[in-house]
Amino acid sequence: TTMISSCGQLGLVEEAKQLFDQMPEPNTVTWNSLIHTYAVTGHLSKAQSMFDRMPERNPDEYSFINVLTACSCSGSLFQARDFFVSMQGDHGLQPSQHHFASMLDLLGRLGQVRDAEKILGEMPCEADSVTWATLLAASRIHKANESGARAARNALELETIKPGAYLLVAELAAK
């Protein structure tokens, strides 16, 4: 599993798949590692295919984070929404902050900053600095200054803000 993850980090997709195929009985973590590899290298159809082939179709919360990441990297909003709904309705999994962050990232990439901000406001869990920074980055890219200002205020109120978020706030303030 570690080797598959390492191959994925290096963009060695075929090598990761070969290692996976050599495993006699890959577990859920191994399946998730390969799905993640496909997700971060822009192979949505391969990530979805692996997700669909998981033994007994019993994906866990990480499986959904990975497939939502694949949708985000590929700009596939409708597929992401289907997975998000399926996670709750078909698998009884409650979305975590990470699942919402993947959806926010996707909406931000697509320029749907208002929709992202609406989802962020309706999340059942509290947003962290990463979530606010995701909205802040999308606001900067798509020149949604009001959303960016709100995201900046909320991000700055948190003690765990990352240094990169300060740069985004400074950039937004300069405009």
N, C-alpha and C. Protein backbone atom coordinates (compact mmCIF):
# COMPACT_ATOMS: atom_id res chain seq x y z
N THR A 1 0.83 -1.19 0.00
CA THR A 1 0.00 0.00 0.00
C THR A 1 0.87 1.26 0.00
N THR A 2 1.93 1.23 0.78
CA THR A 2 2.85 2.37 0.83
C THR A 2 3.51 2.60 -0.52
N MET A 3 3.86 1.52 -1.19
CA MET A 3 4.48 1.64 -2.52
C MET A 3 3.48 2.24 -3.52
N ILE A 4 2.23 1.84 -3.44
CA ILE A 4 1.21 2.39 -4.34
C ILE A 4 1.07 3.89 -4.09
N SER A 5 1.02 4.28 -2.82
CA SER A 5 0.93 5.70 -2.48
C SER A 5 2.14 6.47 -2.97
N SER A 6 3.32 5.88 -2.82
CA SER A 6 4.55 6.53 -3.29
C SER A 6 4.53 6.72 -4.80
N CYS A 7 4.11 5.69 -5.51
CA CYS A 7 4.00 5.80 -6.97
C CYS A 7 3.02 6.91 -7.34
N GLY A 8 1.92 6.98 -6.61
CA GLY A 8 0.93 8.01 -6.87
C GLY A 8 1.49 9.40 -6.66
N GLN A 9 2.26 9.59 -5.60
CA GLN A 9 2.86 10.89 -5.33
C GLN A 9 3.84 11.30 -6.42
N LEU A 10 4.43 10.31 -7.06
CA LEU A 10 5.39 10.59 -8.13
C LEU A 10 4.72 10.62 -9.51
N GLY A 11 3.41 10.40 -9.54
CA GLY A 11 2.70 10.40 -10.82
C GLY A 11 2.89 9.14 -11.63
N LEU A 12 3.37 8.09 -11.01
CA LEU A 12 3.62 6.81 -11.70
C LEU A 12 2.36 5.95 -11.63
N VAL A 13 1.37 6.33 -12.41
CA VAL A 13 0.05 5.73 -12.33
C VAL A 13 0.06 4.26 -12.74
N GLU A 14 0.68 3.95 -13.85
CA GLU A 14 0.70 2.56 -14.32
C GLU A 14 1.45 1.65 -13.35
N GLU A 15 2.53 2.16 -12.79
CA GLU A 15 3.29 1.37 -11.82
C GLU A 15 2.45 1.09 -10.57
N ALA A 16 1.69 2.10 -10.14
CA ALA A 16 0.81 1.92 -8.98
C ALA A 16 -0.23 0.84 -9.27
N LYS A 17 -0.80 0.87 -10.46
CA LYS A 17 -1.81 -0.13 -10.84
C LYS A 17 -1.19 -1.52 -10.91
N GLN A 18 0.04 -1.62 -11.43
CA GLN A 18 0.72 -2.92 -11.50
C GLN A 18 0.94 -3.49 -10.09
N LEU A 19 1.37 -2.64 -9.17
CA LEU A 19 1.56 -3.09 -7.79
C LEU A 19 0.24 -3.55 -7.19
N PHE A 20 -0.81 -2.80 -7.44
CA PHE A 20 -2.13 -3.17 -6.94
C PHE A 20 -2.55 -4.53 -7.48
N ASP A 21 -2.34 -4.73 -8.77
CA ASP A 21 -2.74 -6.00 -9.41
C ASP A 21 -1.96 -7.20 -8.88
N GLN A 22 -0.77 -6.96 -8.35
CA GLN A 22 0.06 -8.05 -7.82
C GLN A 22 -0.36 -8.46 -6.41
N MET A 23 -1.17 -7.66 -5.77
CA MET A 23 -1.57 -7.97 -4.39
C MET A 23 -2.65 -9.06 -4.40
N PRO A 24 -2.47 -10.10 -3.57
CA PRO A 24 -3.45 -11.19 -3.57
C PRO A 24 -4.84 -10.77 -3.09
N GLU A 25 -4.91 -10.00 -2.03
CA GLU A 25 -6.20 -9.55 -1.50
C GLU A 25 -6.06 -8.12 -0.97
N PRO A 26 -6.14 -7.14 -1.86
CA PRO A 26 -6.01 -5.76 -1.40
C PRO A 26 -7.15 -5.38 -0.45
N ASN A 27 -6.80 -4.66 0.61
CA ASN A 27 -7.81 -4.23 1.57
C ASN A 27 -8.34 -2.84 1.17
N THR A 28 -9.25 -2.32 1.96
CA THR A 28 -9.87 -1.03 1.65
C THR A 28 -8.83 0.09 1.56
N VAL A 29 -7.84 0.06 2.42
CA VAL A 29 -6.79 1.09 2.40
C VAL A 29 -6.03 1.03 1.07
N THR A 30 -5.77 -0.17 0.59
CA THR A 30 -5.07 -0.33 -0.68
C THR A 30 -5.93 0.18 -1.83
N TRP A 31 -7.20 -0.17 -1.83
CA TRP A 31 -8.11 0.33 -2.87
C TRP A 31 -8.12 1.86 -2.83
N ASN A 32 -8.22 2.42 -1.63
CA ASN A 32 -8.25 3.88 -1.50
C ASN A 32 -6.96 4.52 -2.00
N SER A 33 -5.83 3.86 -1.79
CA SER A 33 -4.55 4.40 -2.27
C SER A 33 -4.54 4.51 -3.78
N LEU A 34 -5.05 3.49 -4.46
CA LEU A 34 -5.07 3.54 -5.92
C LEU A 34 -6.10 4.55 -6.42
N ILE A 35 -7.25 4.61 -5.77
CA ILE A 35 -8.26 5.61 -6.16
C ILE A 35 -7.69 7.01 -5.98
N HIS A 36 -6.97 7.23 -4.88
CA HIS A 36 -6.35 8.54 -4.64
C HIS A 36 -5.31 8.85 -5.72
N THR A 37 -4.52 7.85 -6.10
CA THR A 37 -3.53 8.04 -7.16
C THR A 37 -4.22 8.52 -8.43
N TYR A 38 -5.28 7.85 -8.81
CA TYR A 38 -6.02 8.26 -10.01
C TYR A 38 -6.62 9.66 -9.83
N ALA A 39 -7.12 9.94 -8.63
CA ALA A 39 -7.76 11.23 -8.37
C ALA A 39 -6.80 12.39 -8.58
N VAL A 40 -5.64 12.31 -7.97
CA VAL A 40 -4.71 13.45 -8.00
C VAL A 40 -3.93 13.56 -9.31
N THR A 41 -4.05 12.54 -10.15
CA THR A 41 -3.39 12.61 -11.45
C THR A 41 -4.39 12.87 -12.58
N GLY A 42 -5.63 13.22 -12.20
CA GLY A 42 -6.62 13.62 -13.19
C GLY A 42 -7.29 12.51 -13.96
N HIS A 43 -7.29 11.31 -13.42
CA HIS A 43 -7.90 10.17 -14.09
C HIS A 43 -9.25 9.84 -13.44
N LEU A 44 -10.24 10.69 -13.67
CA LEU A 44 -11.55 10.51 -13.04
C LEU A 44 -12.18 9.18 -13.41
N SER A 45 -12.16 8.82 -14.68
CA SER A 45 -12.84 7.58 -15.09
C SER A 45 -12.20 6.36 -14.44
N LYS A 46 -10.87 6.37 -14.29
CA LYS A 46 -10.20 5.25 -13.64
C LYS A 46 -10.50 5.23 -12.14
N ALA A 47 -10.53 6.42 -11.53
CA ALA A 47 -10.86 6.50 -10.10
C ALA A 47 -12.28 5.99 -9.87
N GLN A 48 -13.19 6.41 -10.73
CA GLN A 48 -14.58 5.97 -10.58
C GLN A 48 -14.72 4.47 -10.82
N SER A 49 -13.99 3.96 -11.80
CA SER A 49 -14.04 2.52 -12.09
C SER A 49 -13.55 1.71 -10.89
N MET A 50 -12.44 2.14 -10.29
CA MET A 50 -11.93 1.44 -9.11
C MET A 50 -12.91 1.55 -7.95
N PHE A 51 -13.48 2.73 -7.78
CA PHE A 51 -14.47 2.94 -6.72
C PHE A 51 -15.64 1.97 -6.91
N ASP A 52 -16.12 1.86 -8.13
CA ASP A 52 -17.26 0.98 -8.43
C ASP A 52 -16.92 -0.49 -8.24
N ARG A 53 -15.65 -0.84 -8.38
CA ARG A 53 -15.23 -2.24 -8.28
C ARG A 53 -14.82 -2.64 -6.86
N MET A 54 -14.85 -1.72 -5.93
CA MET A 54 -14.44 -2.07 -4.56
C MET A 54 -15.23 -3.28 -4.08
N PRO A 55 -14.56 -4.19 -3.38
CA PRO A 55 -15.23 -5.40 -2.91
C PRO A 55 -16.51 -5.08 -2.14
N GLU A 56 -17.56 -5.78 -2.53
CA GLU A 56 -18.86 -5.66 -1.87
C GLU A 56 -19.39 -4.23 -1.89
N ARG A 57 -18.81 -3.38 -2.73
CA ARG A 57 -19.23 -1.97 -2.84
C ARG A 57 -19.43 -1.36 -1.45
N ASN A 58 -18.42 -1.54 -0.63
CA ASN A 58 -18.47 -1.05 0.73
C ASN A 58 -17.41 0.02 0.95
N PRO A 59 -17.49 1.13 0.21
CA PRO A 59 -16.49 2.18 0.38
C PRO A 59 -16.63 2.85 1.75
N ASP A 60 -15.52 3.37 2.24
CA ASP A 60 -15.55 4.09 3.52
C ASP A 60 -15.46 5.59 3.26
N GLU A 61 -15.35 6.36 4.33
CA GLU A 61 -15.32 7.82 4.18
C GLU A 61 -14.13 8.29 3.34
N TYR A 62 -13.01 7.57 3.41
CA TYR A 62 -11.84 7.95 2.63
C TYR A 62 -12.04 7.65 1.15
N SER A 63 -12.77 6.59 0.85
CA SER A 63 -13.09 6.27 -0.54
C SER A 63 -13.85 7.44 -1.16
N PHE A 64 -14.79 7.99 -0.40
CA PHE A 64 -15.58 9.10 -0.91
C PHE A 64 -14.75 10.38 -1.01
N ILE A 65 -13.86 10.62 -0.05
CA ILE A 65 -12.97 11.79 -0.16
C ILE A 65 -12.16 11.68 -1.44
N ASN A 66 -11.63 10.49 -1.72
CA ASN A 66 -10.80 10.30 -2.91
C ASN A 66 -11.58 10.49 -4.20
N VAL A 67 -12.78 9.93 -4.27
CA VAL A 67 -13.55 10.05 -5.51
C VAL A 67 -14.07 11.49 -5.67
N LEU A 68 -14.37 12.18 -4.58
CA LEU A 68 -14.75 13.59 -4.67
C LEU A 68 -13.56 14.44 -5.11
N THR A 69 -12.38 14.08 -4.65
CA THR A 69 -11.16 14.77 -5.10
C THR A 69 -10.97 14.57 -6.60
N ALA A 70 -11.22 13.36 -7.08
CA ALA A 70 -11.11 13.09 -8.52
C ALA A 70 -12.09 13.96 -9.30
N CYS A 71 -13.30 14.08 -8.79
CA CYS A 71 -14.29 14.92 -9.45
C CYS A 71 -13.85 16.38 -9.44
N SER A 72 -13.30 16.83 -8.32
CA SER A 72 -12.83 18.21 -8.21
C SER A 72 -11.70 18.49 -9.19
N CYS A 73 -10.73 17.60 -9.24
CA CYS A 73 -9.59 17.79 -10.14
C CYS A 73 -10.02 17.76 -11.61
N SER A 74 -11.13 17.08 -11.89
CA SER A 74 -11.62 16.96 -13.27
C SER A 74 -12.75 17.94 -13.58
N GLY A 75 -13.19 18.70 -12.58
CA GLY A 75 -14.26 19.67 -12.81
C GLY A 75 -15.62 19.04 -13.06
N SER A 76 -15.87 17.88 -12.48
CA SER A 76 -17.11 17.12 -12.73
C SER A 76 -18.11 17.31 -11.59
N LEU A 77 -18.84 18.41 -11.66
CA LEU A 77 -19.77 18.77 -10.59
C LEU A 77 -20.91 17.77 -10.43
N PHE A 78 -21.52 17.36 -11.53
CA PHE A 78 -22.68 16.47 -11.42
C PHE A 78 -22.30 15.12 -10.84
N GLN A 79 -21.16 14.59 -11.25
CA GLN A 79 -20.70 13.32 -10.68
C GLN A 79 -20.39 13.48 -9.20
N ALA A 80 -19.77 14.60 -8.83
CA ALA A 80 -19.46 14.84 -7.42
C ALA A 80 -20.73 14.89 -6.58
N ARG A 81 -21.75 15.58 -7.10
CA ARG A 81 -23.02 15.65 -6.35
C ARG A 81 -23.63 14.26 -6.21
N ASP A 82 -23.55 13.46 -7.26
CA ASP A 82 -24.09 12.09 -7.19
C ASP A 82 -23.37 11.28 -6.11
N PHE A 83 -22.03 11.38 -6.07
CA PHE A 83 -21.27 10.66 -5.04
C PHE A 83 -21.62 11.18 -3.64
N PHE A 84 -21.74 12.49 -3.52
CA PHE A 84 -22.04 13.10 -2.23
C PHE A 84 -23.39 12.60 -1.70
N VAL A 85 -24.38 12.56 -2.57
CA VAL A 85 -25.72 12.08 -2.20
C VAL A 85 -25.68 10.59 -1.90
N SER A 86 -24.96 9.82 -2.72
CA SER A 86 -24.85 8.37 -2.54
C SER A 86 -24.18 8.03 -1.21
N MET A 87 -23.21 8.83 -0.84
CA MET A 87 -22.49 8.59 0.40
C MET A 87 -23.46 8.53 1.57
N GLN A 88 -24.40 9.46 1.58
CA GLN A 88 -25.37 9.53 2.67
C GLN A 88 -26.52 8.54 2.47
N GLY A 89 -27.11 8.58 1.29
CA GLY A 89 -28.31 7.80 1.03
C GLY A 89 -28.07 6.31 0.87
N ASP A 90 -27.03 5.94 0.14
CA ASP A 90 -26.78 4.53 -0.16
C ASP A 90 -25.86 3.85 0.85
N HIS A 91 -24.99 4.64 1.49
CA HIS A 91 -23.97 4.04 2.35
C HIS A 91 -24.07 4.47 3.81
N GLY A 92 -24.99 5.38 4.11
CA GLY A 92 -25.21 5.79 5.50
C GLY A 92 -24.04 6.51 6.13
N LEU A 93 -23.19 7.12 5.31
CA LEU A 93 -22.04 7.86 5.84
C LEU A 93 -22.37 9.35 5.89
N GLN A 94 -22.08 9.97 7.01
CA GLN A 94 -22.30 11.40 7.14
C GLN A 94 -21.08 12.14 6.62
N PRO A 95 -21.30 13.16 5.80
CA PRO A 95 -20.16 13.89 5.26
C PRO A 95 -19.39 14.63 6.36
N SER A 96 -18.09 14.55 6.26
CA SER A 96 -17.22 15.26 7.20
C SER A 96 -16.79 16.58 6.57
N GLN A 97 -16.03 17.30 7.32
CA GLN A 97 -15.48 18.56 6.83
C GLN A 97 -14.67 18.34 5.55
N HIS A 98 -13.99 17.21 5.45
CA HIS A 98 -13.16 16.92 4.28
C HIS A 98 -14.02 16.72 3.03
N HIS A 99 -15.17 16.08 3.19
CA HIS A 99 -16.08 15.89 2.05
C HIS A 99 -16.61 17.24 1.58
N PHE A 100 -17.00 18.08 2.55
CA PHE A 100 -17.49 19.41 2.19
C PHE A 100 -16.38 20.23 1.54
N ALA A 101 -15.15 20.11 2.05
CA ALA A 101 -14.03 20.86 1.47
C ALA A 101 -13.80 20.46 0.02
N SER A 102 -13.96 19.18 -0.29
CA SER A 102 -13.81 18.74 -1.68
C SER A 102 -14.87 19.37 -2.57
N MET A 103 -16.09 19.44 -2.06
CA MET A 103 -17.17 20.07 -2.83
C MET A 103 -16.91 21.57 -2.99
N LEU A 104 -16.43 22.22 -1.94
CA LEU A 104 -16.11 23.65 -2.02
C LEU A 104 -15.00 23.90 -3.02
N ASP A 105 -13.99 23.05 -3.00
CA ASP A 105 -12.88 23.17 -3.94
C ASP A 105 -13.39 23.06 -5.38
N LEU A 106 -14.25 22.10 -5.63
CA LEU A 106 -14.80 21.91 -6.97
C LEU A 106 -15.62 23.12 -7.40
N LEU A 107 -16.51 23.58 -6.55
CA LEU A 107 -17.31 24.75 -6.89
C LEU A 107 -16.42 25.97 -7.13
N GLY A 108 -15.39 26.11 -6.31
CA GLY A 108 -14.45 27.21 -6.49
C GLY A 108 -13.71 27.12 -7.81
N ARG A 109 -13.28 25.93 -8.19
CA ARG A 109 -12.59 25.75 -9.48
C ARG A 109 -13.50 26.12 -10.65
N LEU A 110 -14.80 25.87 -10.47
CA LEU A 110 -15.76 26.14 -11.54
C LEU A 110 -16.28 27.58 -11.51
N GLY A 111 -15.79 28.37 -10.55
CA GLY A 111 -16.20 29.77 -10.47
C GLY A 111 -17.53 29.98 -9.78
N GLN A 112 -18.05 28.97 -9.13
CA GLN A 112 -19.34 29.06 -8.45
C GLN A 112 -19.12 29.40 -6.98
N VAL A 113 -18.54 30.57 -6.77
CA VAL A 113 -18.13 31.00 -5.43
C VAL A 113 -19.33 31.18 -4.52
N ARG A 114 -20.42 31.75 -5.04
CA ARG A 114 -21.62 31.93 -4.20
C ARG A 114 -22.17 30.59 -3.72
N ASP A 115 -22.22 29.61 -4.63
CA ASP A 115 -22.70 28.28 -4.23
C ASP A 115 -21.78 27.66 -3.19
N ALA A 116 -20.48 27.86 -3.37
CA ALA A 116 -19.51 27.34 -2.40
C ALA A 116 -19.73 27.98 -1.03
N GLU A 117 -19.93 29.29 -1.03
CA GLU A 117 -20.15 29.99 0.23
C GLU A 117 -21.46 29.55 0.89
N LYS A 118 -22.47 29.29 0.07
CA LYS A 118 -23.76 28.83 0.61
C LYS A 118 -23.59 27.47 1.29
N ILE A 119 -22.90 26.55 0.61
CA ILE A 119 -22.66 25.22 1.20
C ILE A 119 -21.86 25.35 2.49
N LEU A 120 -20.86 26.22 2.47
CA LEU A 120 -20.03 26.41 3.66
C LEU A 120 -20.89 26.88 4.83
N GLY A 121 -21.85 27.75 4.56
CA GLY A 121 -22.73 28.25 5.61
C GLY A 121 -23.71 27.22 6.13
N GLU A 122 -23.99 26.20 5.32
CA GLU A 122 -24.97 25.17 5.70
C GLU A 122 -24.32 23.89 6.22
N MET A 123 -23.00 23.87 6.27
CA MET A 123 -22.31 22.67 6.75
C MET A 123 -22.72 22.35 8.18
N PRO A 124 -22.96 21.07 8.49
CA PRO A 124 -23.30 20.72 9.87
C PRO A 124 -22.09 20.72 10.80
N CYS A 125 -20.90 20.77 10.22
CA CYS A 125 -19.68 20.81 11.03
C CYS A 125 -19.06 22.21 10.89
N GLU A 126 -18.22 22.55 11.83
CA GLU A 126 -17.60 23.86 11.82
C GLU A 126 -16.45 23.90 10.82
N ALA A 127 -16.39 24.97 10.05
CA ALA A 127 -15.33 25.13 9.06
C ALA A 127 -14.01 25.44 9.75
N ASP A 128 -12.94 24.87 9.22
CA ASP A 128 -11.61 25.17 9.75
C ASP A 128 -10.90 26.14 8.81
N SER A 129 -9.66 26.46 9.12
CA SER A 129 -8.93 27.44 8.32
C SER A 129 -8.70 26.95 6.89
N VAL A 130 -8.55 25.66 6.69
CA VAL A 130 -8.36 25.12 5.34
C VAL A 130 -9.62 25.35 4.50
N THR A 131 -10.77 25.12 5.10
CA THR A 131 -12.03 25.31 4.40
C THR A 131 -12.21 26.78 4.02
N TRP A 132 -11.95 27.67 4.97
CA TRP A 132 -12.07 29.10 4.67
C TRP A 132 -11.03 29.53 3.64
N ALA A 133 -9.83 28.98 3.72
CA ALA A 133 -8.79 29.32 2.74
C ALA A 133 -9.18 28.84 1.35
N THR A 134 -9.89 27.71 1.27
CA THR A 134 -10.36 27.21 -0.03
C THR A 134 -11.31 28.22 -0.65
N LEU A 135 -12.25 28.72 0.15
CA LEU A 135 -13.18 29.74 -0.36
C LEU A 135 -12.44 31.03 -0.68
N LEU A 136 -11.49 31.39 0.15
CA LEU A 136 -10.70 32.60 -0.07
C LEU A 136 -9.94 32.52 -1.39
N ALA A 137 -9.32 31.39 -1.66
CA ALA A 137 -8.57 31.23 -2.91
C ALA A 137 -9.50 31.32 -4.12
N ALA A 138 -10.65 30.67 -4.04
CA ALA A 138 -11.61 30.74 -5.15
C ALA A 138 -12.10 32.17 -5.35
N SER A 139 -12.32 32.87 -4.25
CA SER A 139 -12.77 34.26 -4.33
C SER A 139 -11.73 35.14 -5.01
N ARG A 140 -10.47 34.91 -4.70
CA ARG A 140 -9.40 35.69 -5.31
C ARG A 140 -9.32 35.41 -6.81
N ILE A 141 -9.34 34.14 -7.18
CA ILE A 141 -9.22 33.75 -8.59
C ILE A 141 -10.37 34.31 -9.41
N HIS A 142 -11.58 34.27 -8.86
CA HIS A 142 -12.76 34.67 -9.62
C HIS A 142 -13.24 36.07 -9.27
N LYS A 143 -12.39 36.82 -8.57
CA LYS A 143 -12.65 38.21 -8.23
C LYS A 143 -13.99 38.42 -7.52
N ALA A 144 -14.30 37.51 -6.62
CA ALA A 144 -15.49 37.63 -5.78
C ALA A 144 -15.06 38.25 -4.46
N ASN A 145 -14.83 39.55 -4.49
CA ASN A 145 -14.21 40.23 -3.35
C ASN A 145 -15.05 40.19 -2.08
N GLU A 146 -16.37 40.28 -2.19
CA GLU A 146 -17.20 40.24 -0.98
C GLU A 146 -17.10 38.88 -0.30
N SER A 147 -17.18 37.81 -1.08
CA SER A 147 -17.03 36.46 -0.51
C SER A 147 -15.63 36.30 0.06
N GLY A 148 -14.66 36.83 -0.64
CA GLY A 148 -13.28 36.75 -0.17
C GLY A 148 -13.08 37.46 1.15
N ALA A 149 -13.72 38.62 1.29
CA ALA A 149 -13.60 39.37 2.55
C ALA A 149 -14.22 38.58 3.70
N ARG A 150 -15.39 37.98 3.45
CA ARG A 150 -16.02 37.17 4.51
C ARG A 150 -15.15 35.96 4.86
N ALA A 151 -14.62 35.31 3.83
CA ALA A 151 -13.75 34.15 4.08
C ALA A 151 -12.51 34.57 4.85
N ALA A 152 -11.94 35.71 4.48
CA ALA A 152 -10.74 36.20 5.16
C ALA A 152 -11.02 36.48 6.63
N ARG A 153 -12.15 37.15 6.91
CA ARG A 153 -12.51 37.44 8.31
C ARG A 153 -12.63 36.15 9.12
N ASN A 154 -13.33 35.18 8.55
CA ASN A 154 -13.52 33.92 9.27
C ASN A 154 -12.21 33.15 9.43
N ALA A 155 -11.38 33.16 8.40
CA ALA A 155 -10.10 32.46 8.48
C ALA A 155 -9.20 33.10 9.53
N LEU A 156 -9.19 34.42 9.57
CA LEU A 156 -8.33 35.13 10.52
C LEU A 156 -8.78 34.95 11.97
N GLU A 157 -10.06 34.67 12.17
CA GLU A 157 -10.57 34.44 13.53
C GLU A 157 -10.07 33.12 14.12
N LEU A 158 -9.65 32.22 13.25
CA LEU A 158 -9.18 30.92 13.72
C LEU A 158 -7.70 30.99 14.04
N GLU A 159 -7.31 30.35 15.12
CA GLU A 159 -5.91 30.38 15.53
C GLU A 159 -5.03 29.47 14.68
N THR A 160 -5.64 28.57 13.94
CA THR A 160 -4.87 27.57 13.19
C THR A 160 -4.63 27.96 11.74
N ILE A 161 -4.82 29.23 11.43
CA ILE A 161 -4.68 29.66 10.03
C ILE A 161 -3.27 29.39 9.51
N LYS A 162 -3.21 28.95 8.29
CA LYS A 162 -1.94 28.63 7.66
C LYS A 162 -1.34 29.90 7.05
N PRO A 163 -0.01 29.98 6.94
CA PRO A 163 0.63 31.17 6.39
C PRO A 163 0.14 31.55 4.99
N GLY A 164 -0.17 30.56 4.17
CA GLY A 164 -0.65 30.85 2.82
C GLY A 164 -1.94 31.65 2.81
N ALA A 165 -2.77 31.42 3.82
CA ALA A 165 -4.03 32.17 3.89
C ALA A 165 -3.77 33.65 4.16
N TYR A 166 -2.73 33.95 4.94
CA TYR A 166 -2.38 35.35 5.18
C TYR A 166 -2.00 36.04 3.87
N LEU A 167 -1.29 35.32 3.01
CA LEU A 167 -0.92 35.90 1.72
C LEU A 167 -2.16 36.17 0.87
N LEU A 168 -3.12 35.27 0.89
CA LEU A 168 -4.36 35.48 0.14
C LEU A 168 -5.12 36.68 0.68
N VAL A 169 -5.17 36.82 2.00
CA VAL A 169 -5.84 37.96 2.61
C VAL A 169 -5.15 39.25 2.19
N ALA A 170 -3.83 39.27 2.23
CA ALA A 170 -3.08 40.46 1.83
C ALA A 170 -3.33 40.80 0.37
N GLU A 171 -3.35 39.80 -0.48
CA GLU A 171 -3.63 40.02 -1.91
C GLU A 171 -5.01 40.60 -2.11
N LEU A 172 -5.98 40.04 -1.41
CA LEU A 172 -7.36 40.50 -1.53
C LEU A 172 -7.47 41.94 -1.04
N ALA A 173 -6.80 42.25 0.06
CA ALA A 173 -6.85 43.60 0.62
C ALA A 173 -6.21 44.62 -0.32
N ALA A 174 -5.21 44.19 -1.07
CA ALA A 174 -4.52 45.09 -1.99
C ALA A 174 -5.40 45.47 -3.18
N LYS A 175 -6.43 44.66 -3.44
CA LYS A 175 -7.29 44.93 -4.60
C LYS A 175 -8.39 45.82 -4.24
